[in-house]
Amino acid sequence: MLATIGAAIGLGSIWKFPYEVGANGGGAFILFYLVGLALFVPPQILVEFAIGRLDGGTLRQQLNLLHGMSLPPGCGR
């Protein structure tokens, strides 16, 4: 269910937002928006796939597994 909600929000973001910005005179911003999408979305997808492949368990098991991992200095907790 969360994947469906995320897909709906993501599709709305990808299609409607640039259209509204371009229609209201902010066409140059669309370039930065698309660059931002290209820089942030693929790494997030790769991390999500990696977490899913790490153990193959349920969401609760994955979150418990991640909670026990150590984070690099300066990140998170």
PDB file of N, CA and C in Angstrom:
ATOM      1  N   MET A   1       0.818  -1.179   0.000  1.00  0.00           N
ATOM      2  CA  MET A   1       0.000   0.000   0.000  1.00  0.00           C
ATOM      3  C   MET A   1       0.872   1.257   0.000  1.00  0.00           C
ATOM      4  N   LEU A   2       1.941   1.235   0.791  1.00  0.00           N
ATOM      5  CA  LEU A   2       2.838   2.393   0.816  1.00  0.00           C
ATOM      6  C   LEU A   2       3.502   2.613  -0.537  1.00  0.00           C
ATOM      7  N   ALA A   3       3.805   1.520  -1.239  1.00  0.00           N
ATOM      8  CA  ALA A   3       4.408   1.661  -2.570  1.00  0.00           C
ATOM      9  C   ALA A   3       3.441   2.336  -3.536  1.00  0.00           C
ATOM     10  N   THR A   4       2.167   1.998  -3.442  1.00  0.00           N
ATOM     11  CA  THR A   4       1.160   2.610  -4.309  1.00  0.00           C
ATOM     12  C   THR A   4       1.021   4.099  -4.008  1.00  0.00           C
ATOM     13  N   ILE A   5       0.993   4.428  -2.726  1.00  0.00           N
ATOM     14  CA  ILE A   5       0.897   5.842  -2.338  1.00  0.00           C
ATOM     15  C   ILE A   5       2.136   6.600  -2.817  1.00  0.00           C
ATOM     16  N   GLY A   6       3.297   6.019  -2.607  1.00  0.00           N
ATOM     17  CA  GLY A   6       4.534   6.658  -3.049  1.00  0.00           C
ATOM     18  C   GLY A   6       4.585   6.846  -4.556  1.00  0.00           C
ATOM     19  N   ALA A   7       4.096   5.859  -5.292  1.00  0.00           N
ATOM     20  CA  ALA A   7       4.081   5.976  -6.752  1.00  0.00           C
ATOM     21  C   ALA A   7       3.140   7.085  -7.195  1.00  0.00           C
ATOM     22  N   ALA A   8       1.981   7.176  -6.546  1.00  0.00           N
ATOM     23  CA  ALA A   8       1.022   8.218  -6.918  1.00  0.00           C
ATOM     24  C   ALA A   8       1.586   9.606  -6.626  1.00  0.00           C
ATOM     25  N   ILE A   9       2.200   9.760  -5.480  1.00  0.00           N
ATOM     26  CA  ILE A   9       2.790  11.055  -5.126  1.00  0.00           C
ATOM     27  C   ILE A   9       3.960  11.365  -6.057  1.00  0.00           C
ATOM     28  N   GLY A  10       4.782  10.362  -6.326  1.00  0.00           N
ATOM     29  CA  GLY A  10       5.926  10.559  -7.213  1.00  0.00           C
ATOM     30  C   GLY A  10       5.513  10.937  -8.623  1.00  0.00           C
ATOM     31  N   LEU A  11       4.491  10.272  -9.145  1.00  0.00           N
ATOM     32  CA  LEU A  11       4.028  10.599 -10.493  1.00  0.00           C
ATOM     33  C   LEU A  11       3.432  11.993 -10.544  1.00  0.00           C
ATOM     34  N   GLY A  12       2.732  12.375  -9.498  1.00  0.00           N
ATOM     35  CA  GLY A  12       2.196  13.730  -9.437  1.00  0.00           C
ATOM     36  C   GLY A  12       3.306  14.755  -9.409  1.00  0.00           C
ATOM     37  N   SER A  13       4.360  14.430  -8.692  1.00  0.00           N
ATOM     38  CA  SER A  13       5.501  15.335  -8.609  1.00  0.00           C
ATOM     39  C   SER A  13       6.205  15.450  -9.957  1.00  0.00           C
ATOM     40  N   ILE A  14       6.384  14.345 -10.622  1.00  0.00           N
ATOM     41  CA  ILE A  14       7.130  14.346 -11.880  1.00  0.00           C
ATOM     42  C   ILE A  14       6.348  15.039 -12.995  1.00  0.00           C
ATOM     43  N   TRP A  15       5.034  14.864 -13.050  1.00  0.00           N
ATOM     44  CA  TRP A  15       4.261  15.406 -14.159  1.00  0.00           C
ATOM     45  C   TRP A  15       3.644  16.769 -13.884  1.00  0.00           C
ATOM     46  N   LYS A  16       3.002  16.938 -12.754  1.00  0.00           N
ATOM     47  CA  LYS A  16       2.237  18.167 -12.536  1.00  0.00           C
ATOM     48  C   LYS A  16       3.114  19.355 -12.148  1.00  0.00           C
ATOM     49  N   PHE A  17       4.061  19.155 -11.265  1.00  0.00           N
ATOM     50  CA  PHE A  17       4.868  20.266 -10.772  1.00  0.00           C
ATOM     51  C   PHE A  17       5.628  20.982 -11.886  1.00  0.00           C
ATOM     52  N   PRO A  18       6.383  20.281 -12.737  1.00  0.00           N
ATOM     53  CA  PRO A  18       7.073  20.990 -13.821  1.00  0.00           C
ATOM     54  C   PRO A  18       6.106  21.692 -14.782  1.00  0.00           C
ATOM     55  N   TYR A  19       4.958  21.091 -15.025  1.00  0.00           N
ATOM     56  CA  TYR A  19       3.973  21.716 -15.902  1.00  0.00           C
ATOM     57  C   TYR A  19       3.485  23.034 -15.301  1.00  0.00           C
ATOM     58  N   GLU A  20       3.159  23.009 -14.023  1.00  0.00           N
ATOM     59  CA  GLU A  20       2.673  24.222 -13.367  1.00  0.00           C
ATOM     60  C   GLU A  20       3.747  25.302 -13.333  1.00  0.00           C
ATOM     61  N   VAL A  21       4.964  24.931 -13.070  1.00  0.00           N
ATOM     62  CA  VAL A  21       6.061  25.907 -13.024  1.00  0.00           C
ATOM     63  C   VAL A  21       6.284  26.502 -14.410  1.00  0.00           C
ATOM     64  N   GLY A  22       6.324  25.650 -15.431  1.00  0.00           N
ATOM     65  CA  GLY A  22       6.527  26.137 -16.793  1.00  0.00           C
ATOM     66  C   GLY A  22       5.391  27.024 -17.271  1.00  0.00           C
ATOM     67  N   ALA A  23       4.172  26.674 -16.905  1.00  0.00           N
ATOM     68  CA  ALA A  23       3.016  27.457 -17.333  1.00  0.00           C
ATOM     69  C   ALA A  23       2.959  28.827 -16.655  1.00  0.00           C
ATOM     70  N   ASN A  24       3.607  28.950 -15.509  1.00  0.00           N
ATOM     71  CA  ASN A  24       3.563  30.204 -14.769  1.00  0.00           C
ATOM     72  C   ASN A  24       4.871  30.985 -14.857  1.00  0.00           C
ATOM     73  N   GLY A  25       5.683  30.716 -15.850  1.00  0.00           N
ATOM     74  CA  GLY A  25       6.877  31.523 -16.103  1.00  0.00           C
ATOM     75  C   GLY A  25       8.142  31.072 -15.403  1.00  0.00           C
ATOM     76  N   GLY A  26       8.177  29.888 -14.863  1.00  0.00           N
ATOM     77  CA  GLY A  26       9.381  29.421 -14.169  1.00  0.00           C
ATOM     78  C   GLY A  26      10.070  28.299 -14.913  1.00  0.00           C
ATOM     79  N   GLY A  27      10.115  28.395 -16.229  1.00  0.00           N
ATOM     80  CA  GLY A  27      10.671  27.323 -17.053  1.00  0.00           C
ATOM     81  C   GLY A  27      12.110  26.975 -16.750  1.00  0.00           C
ATOM     82  N   ALA A  28      12.925  27.962 -16.355  1.00  0.00           N
ATOM     83  CA  ALA A  28      14.330  27.682 -16.055  1.00  0.00           C
ATOM     84  C   ALA A  28      14.466  26.790 -14.824  1.00  0.00           C
ATOM     85  N   PHE A  29      13.502  26.883 -13.922  1.00  0.00           N
ATOM     86  CA  PHE A  29      13.554  26.053 -12.719  1.00  0.00           C
ATOM     87  C   PHE A  29      13.396  24.573 -13.042  1.00  0.00           C
ATOM     88  N   ILE A  30      12.697  24.273 -14.139  1.00  0.00           N
ATOM     89  CA  ILE A  30      12.477  22.873 -14.504  1.00  0.00           C
ATOM     90  C   ILE A  30      13.809  22.167 -14.732  1.00  0.00           C
ATOM     91  N   LEU A  31      14.775  22.853 -15.310  1.00  0.00           N
ATOM     92  CA  LEU A  31      16.094  22.252 -15.515  1.00  0.00           C
ATOM     93  C   LEU A  31      16.697  21.795 -14.189  1.00  0.00           C
ATOM     94  N   PHE A  32      16.676  22.656 -13.182  1.00  0.00           N
ATOM     95  CA  PHE A  32      17.231  22.308 -11.882  1.00  0.00           C
ATOM     96  C   PHE A  32      16.417  21.203 -11.207  1.00  0.00           C
ATOM     97  N   TYR A  33      15.119  21.226 -11.417  1.00  0.00           N
ATOM     98  CA  TYR A  33      14.251  20.192 -10.867  1.00  0.00           C
ATOM     99  C   TYR A  33      14.610  18.821 -11.450  1.00  0.00           C
ATOM    100  N   LEU A  34      14.780  18.751 -12.776  1.00  0.00           N
ATOM    101  CA  LEU A  34      15.121  17.484 -13.416  1.00  0.00           C
ATOM    102  C   LEU A  34      16.514  17.001 -13.025  1.00  0.00           C
ATOM    103  N   VAL A  35      17.455  17.927 -12.881  1.00  0.00           N
ATOM    104  CA  VAL A  35      18.794  17.548 -12.425  1.00  0.00           C
ATOM    105  C   VAL A  35      18.719  16.992 -11.006  1.00  0.00           C
ATOM    106  N   GLY A  36      17.915  17.638 -10.158  1.00  0.00           N
ATOM    107  CA  GLY A  36      17.733  17.138  -8.794  1.00  0.00           C
ATOM    108  C   GLY A  36      17.131  15.751  -8.767  1.00  0.00           C
ATOM    109  N   LEU A  37      16.127  15.521  -9.611  1.00  0.00           N
ATOM    110  CA  LEU A  37      15.541  14.186  -9.702  1.00  0.00           C
ATOM    111  C   LEU A  37      16.584  13.162 -10.126  1.00  0.00           C
ATOM    112  N   ALA A  38      17.373  13.517 -11.129  1.00  0.00           N
ATOM    113  CA  ALA A  38      18.377  12.585 -11.648  1.00  0.00           C
ATOM    114  C   ALA A  38      19.460  12.275 -10.620  1.00  0.00           C
ATOM    115  N   LEU A  39      19.770  13.233  -9.746  1.00  0.00           N
ATOM    116  CA  LEU A  39      20.823  13.025  -8.755  1.00  0.00           C
ATOM    117  C   LEU A  39      20.344  12.273  -7.514  1.00  0.00           C
ATOM    118  N   PHE A  40      19.097  12.470  -7.114  1.00  0.00           N
ATOM    119  CA  PHE A  40      18.640  11.904  -5.854  1.00  0.00           C
ATOM    120  C   PHE A  40      17.830  10.622  -5.983  1.00  0.00           C
ATOM    121  N   VAL A  41      17.073  10.476  -7.027  1.00  0.00           N
ATOM    122  CA  VAL A  41      16.178   9.319  -7.128  1.00  0.00           C
ATOM    123  C   VAL A  41      16.929   8.004  -7.387  1.00  0.00           C
ATOM    124  N   PRO A  42      17.832   7.914  -8.360  1.00  0.00           N
ATOM    125  CA  PRO A  42      18.500   6.622  -8.588  1.00  0.00           C
ATOM    126  C   PRO A  42      19.258   6.074  -7.368  1.00  0.00           C
ATOM    127  N   PRO A  43      20.003   6.906  -6.619  1.00  0.00           N
ATOM    128  CA  PRO A  43      20.637   6.343  -5.420  1.00  0.00           C
ATOM    129  C   PRO A  43      19.627   5.827  -4.390  1.00  0.00           C
ATOM    130  N   GLN A  44      18.505   6.509  -4.258  1.00  0.00           N
ATOM    131  CA  GLN A  44      17.488   6.043  -3.313  1.00  0.00           C
ATOM    132  C   GLN A  44      16.905   4.713  -3.753  1.00  0.00           C
ATOM    133  N   ILE A  45      16.685   4.555  -5.050  1.00  0.00           N
ATOM    134  CA  ILE A  45      16.158   3.286  -5.562  1.00  0.00           C
ATOM    135  C   ILE A  45      17.167   2.170  -5.338  1.00  0.00           C
ATOM    136  N   LEU A  46      18.442   2.448  -5.600  1.00  0.00           N
ATOM    137  CA  LEU A  46      19.474   1.429  -5.400  1.00  0.00           C
ATOM    138  C   LEU A  46      19.572   1.011  -3.941  1.00  0.00           C
ATOM    139  N   VAL A  47      19.475   1.963  -3.026  1.00  0.00           N
ATOM    140  CA  VAL A  47      19.520   1.632  -1.603  1.00  0.00           C
ATOM    141  C   VAL A  47      18.316   0.790  -1.219  1.00  0.00           C
ATOM    142  N   GLU A  48      17.156   1.139  -1.742  1.00  0.00           N
ATOM    143  CA  GLU A  48      15.955   0.359  -1.432  1.00  0.00           C
ATOM    144  C   GLU A  48      16.094  -1.070  -1.943  1.00  0.00           C
ATOM    145  N   PHE A  49      16.600  -1.236  -3.149  1.00  0.00           N
ATOM    146  CA  PHE A  49      16.822  -2.581  -3.681  1.00  0.00           C
ATOM    147  C   PHE A  49      17.847  -3.336  -2.834  1.00  0.00           C
ATOM    148  N   ALA A  50      18.916  -2.665  -2.438  1.00  0.00           N
ATOM    149  CA  ALA A  50      19.962  -3.312  -1.648  1.00  0.00           C
ATOM    150  C   ALA A  50      19.420  -3.770  -0.296  1.00  0.00           C
ATOM    151  N   ILE A  51      18.593  -2.938   0.328  1.00  0.00           N
ATOM    152  CA  ILE A  51      18.010  -3.323   1.612  1.00  0.00           C
ATOM    153  C   ILE A  51      17.098  -4.534   1.429  1.00  0.00           C
ATOM    154  N   GLY A  52      16.331  -4.536   0.371  1.00  0.00           N
ATOM    155  CA  GLY A  52      15.443  -5.663   0.110  1.00  0.00           C
ATOM    156  C   GLY A  52      16.195  -6.952  -0.169  1.00  0.00           C
ATOM    157  N   ARG A  53      17.324  -6.840  -0.849  1.00  0.00           N
ATOM    158  CA  ARG A  53      18.109  -8.035  -1.182  1.00  0.00           C
ATOM    159  C   ARG A  53      18.984  -8.493  -0.022  1.00  0.00           C
ATOM    160  N   LEU A  54      19.206  -7.605   0.940  1.00  0.00           N
ATOM    161  CA  LEU A  54      20.107  -7.909   2.045  1.00  0.00           C
ATOM    162  C   LEU A  54      19.678  -9.156   2.794  1.00  0.00           C
ATOM    163  N   ASP A  55      18.401  -9.246   3.105  1.00  0.00           N
ATOM    164  CA  ASP A  55      17.933 -10.378   3.890  1.00  0.00           C
ATOM    165  C   ASP A  55      16.725 -11.052   3.268  1.00  0.00           C
ATOM    166  N   GLY A  56      15.930 -10.311   2.503  1.00  0.00           N
ATOM    167  CA  GLY A  56      14.750 -10.895   1.890  1.00  0.00           C
ATOM    168  C   GLY A  56      13.590 -11.100   2.848  1.00  0.00           C
ATOM    169  N   GLY A  57      13.665 -10.507   4.026  1.00  0.00           N
ATOM    170  CA  GLY A  57      12.613 -10.678   5.020  1.00  0.00           C
ATOM    171  C   GLY A  57      11.507  -9.649   4.869  1.00  0.00           C
ATOM    172  N   THR A  58      10.687  -9.572   5.905  1.00  0.00           N
ATOM    173  CA  THR A  58       9.595  -8.620   5.912  1.00  0.00           C
ATOM    174  C   THR A  58      10.125  -7.213   6.218  1.00  0.00           C
ATOM    175  N   LEU A  59       9.249  -6.243   6.089  1.00  0.00           N
ATOM    176  CA  LEU A  59       9.641  -4.868   6.385  1.00  0.00           C
ATOM    177  C   LEU A  59      10.121  -4.741   7.826  1.00  0.00           C
ATOM    178  N   ARG A  60       9.416  -5.343   8.754  1.00  0.00           N
ATOM    179  CA  ARG A  60       9.812  -5.274  10.163  1.00  0.00           C
ATOM    180  C   ARG A  60      11.204  -5.871  10.368  1.00  0.00           C
ATOM    181  N   GLN A  61      11.484  -6.984   9.728  1.00  0.00           N
ATOM    182  CA  GLN A  61      12.798  -7.609   9.853  1.00  0.00           C
ATOM    183  C   GLN A  61      13.882  -6.712   9.266  1.00  0.00           C
ATOM    184  N   GLN A  62      13.596  -6.070   8.129  1.00  0.00           N
ATOM    185  CA  GLN A  62      14.573  -5.186   7.508  1.00  0.00           C
ATOM    186  C   GLN A  62      14.875  -3.985   8.396  1.00  0.00           C
ATOM    187  N   LEU A  63      13.830  -3.400   8.975  1.00  0.00           N
ATOM    188  CA  LEU A  63      14.046  -2.243   9.848  1.00  0.00           C
ATOM    189  C   LEU A  63      14.831  -2.630  11.090  1.00  0.00           C
ATOM    190  N   ASN A  64      14.555  -3.792  11.659  1.00  0.00           N
ATOM    191  CA  ASN A  64      15.326  -4.260  12.815  1.00  0.00           C
ATOM    192  C   ASN A  64      16.778  -4.496  12.428  1.00  0.00           C
ATOM    193  N   LEU A  65      16.994  -5.028  11.231  1.00  0.00           N
ATOM    194  CA  LEU A  65      18.361  -5.267  10.758  1.00  0.00           C
ATOM    195  C   LEU A  65      19.105  -3.951  10.574  1.00  0.00           C
ATOM    196  N   LEU A  66      18.446  -2.964   9.977  1.00  0.00           N
ATOM    197  CA  LEU A  66      19.079  -1.666   9.769  1.00  0.00           C
ATOM    198  C   LEU A  66      19.334  -0.943  11.078  1.00  0.00           C
ATOM    199  N   HIS A  67      18.441  -1.128  12.048  1.00  0.00           N
ATOM    200  CA  HIS A  67      18.594  -0.444  13.330  1.00  0.00           C
ATOM    201  C   HIS A  67      19.884  -0.888  14.026  1.00  0.00           C
ATOM    202  N   GLY A  68      20.283  -2.143  13.824  1.00  0.00           N
ATOM    203  CA  GLY A  68      21.485  -2.656  14.466  1.00  0.00           C
ATOM    204  C   GLY A  68      22.777  -2.305  13.743  1.00  0.00           C
ATOM    205  N   MET A  69      22.692  -1.767  12.541  1.00  0.00           N
ATOM    206  CA  MET A  69      23.897  -1.446  11.781  1.00  0.00           C
ATOM    207  C   MET A  69      24.521  -0.156  12.286  1.00  0.00           C
ATOM    208  N   SER A  70      25.821  -0.080  12.205  1.00  0.00           N
ATOM    209  CA  SER A  70      26.486   1.154  12.613  1.00  0.00           C
ATOM    210  C   SER A  70      26.488   2.131  11.446  1.00  0.00           C
ATOM    211  N   LEU A  71      26.306   3.391  11.767  1.00  0.00           N
ATOM    212  CA  LEU A  71      26.281   4.441  10.752  1.00  0.00           C
ATOM    213  C   LEU A  71      27.647   5.125  10.688  1.00  0.00           C
ATOM    214  N   PRO A  72      27.971   5.693   9.536  1.00  0.00           N
ATOM    215  CA  PRO A  72      29.219   6.430   9.438  1.00  0.00           C
ATOM    216  C   PRO A  72      29.200   7.638  10.375  1.00  0.00           C
ATOM    217  N   PRO A  73      30.361   8.128  10.779  1.00  0.00           N
ATOM    218  CA  PRO A  73      30.411   9.294  11.676  1.00  0.00           C
ATOM    219  C   PRO A  73      29.685  10.480  11.072  1.00  0.00           C
ATOM    220  N   GLY A  74      28.883  11.156  11.881  1.00  0.00           N
ATOM    221  CA  GLY A  74      28.167  12.335  11.438  1.00  0.00           C
ATOM    222  C   GLY A  74      26.817  12.056  10.823  1.00  0.00           C
ATOM    223  N   CYS A  75      26.412  10.790  10.715  1.00  0.00           N
ATOM    224  CA  CYS A  75      25.117  10.451  10.121  1.00  0.00           C
ATOM    225  C   CYS A  75      24.177   9.912  11.190  1.00  0.00           C
ATOM    226  N   GLY A  76      22.978  10.425  11.186  1.00  0.00           N
ATOM    227  CA  GLY A  76      21.939   9.876  12.058  1.00  0.00           C
ATOM    228  C   GLY A  76      22.168  10.117  13.522  1.00  0.00           C
ATOM    229  N   ARG A  77      21.861   9.123  14.311  1.00  0.00           N
ATOM    230  CA  ARG A  77      21.874   9.184  15.780  1.00  0.00           C
ATOM    231  C   ARG A  77      23.023   9.942  16.252  1.00  0.00           C
TER     232      ARG A  77
END
